[in-house]
């Protein structure tokens, strides 16, 4: 274990600059990995979009009993969001340009601040969207079906554009 401790100490002595450089280079050093990730993500969007178009769901109208409790719905949402690789993709593709080891802040502190800001923004936006969607779409099933179909078409379009851009480019 002493060897591992020495390795960690030596790594920290290189400074935060190397970590920031590694993050920035990581996204460009393996075009094949980026292509594979993009194709997988595009395929997932196509699959989701097709599923939404094939079996659109409509939220239950207010006053009707739902099949799941609020706690079950919340736990399902946390599970889906927690397993979604979108946050990692955002971290590796967008955050490095905002991390600067020359500022005097450790990379870990800068990363933590960015994560906290992102988490807070997502929580506020998702809460607002959820409340508004339940209020508006729960009382207007026809509007919910239209929004669901538009969402499915948009997922398919974005997935197709990602495939075309990555494979043709």
Foldseek 3Di string as FASTA:
>chain_A
DVVVVVVVVVVCVVALVVVLVCLQCVVVVDLPVVLVVLLVLLVVLLVVLVVLQVDPDADAAPPDDDPDDPVVVVVVVCVVVVPDCPVVVCCSPPVSVVADRVPVDHSVVSSVVVVVVVVVVCVVVVVVCVVVCCVPRNNPVVVSSVVSNVSSVVSNVVSVVSNCVSVVD
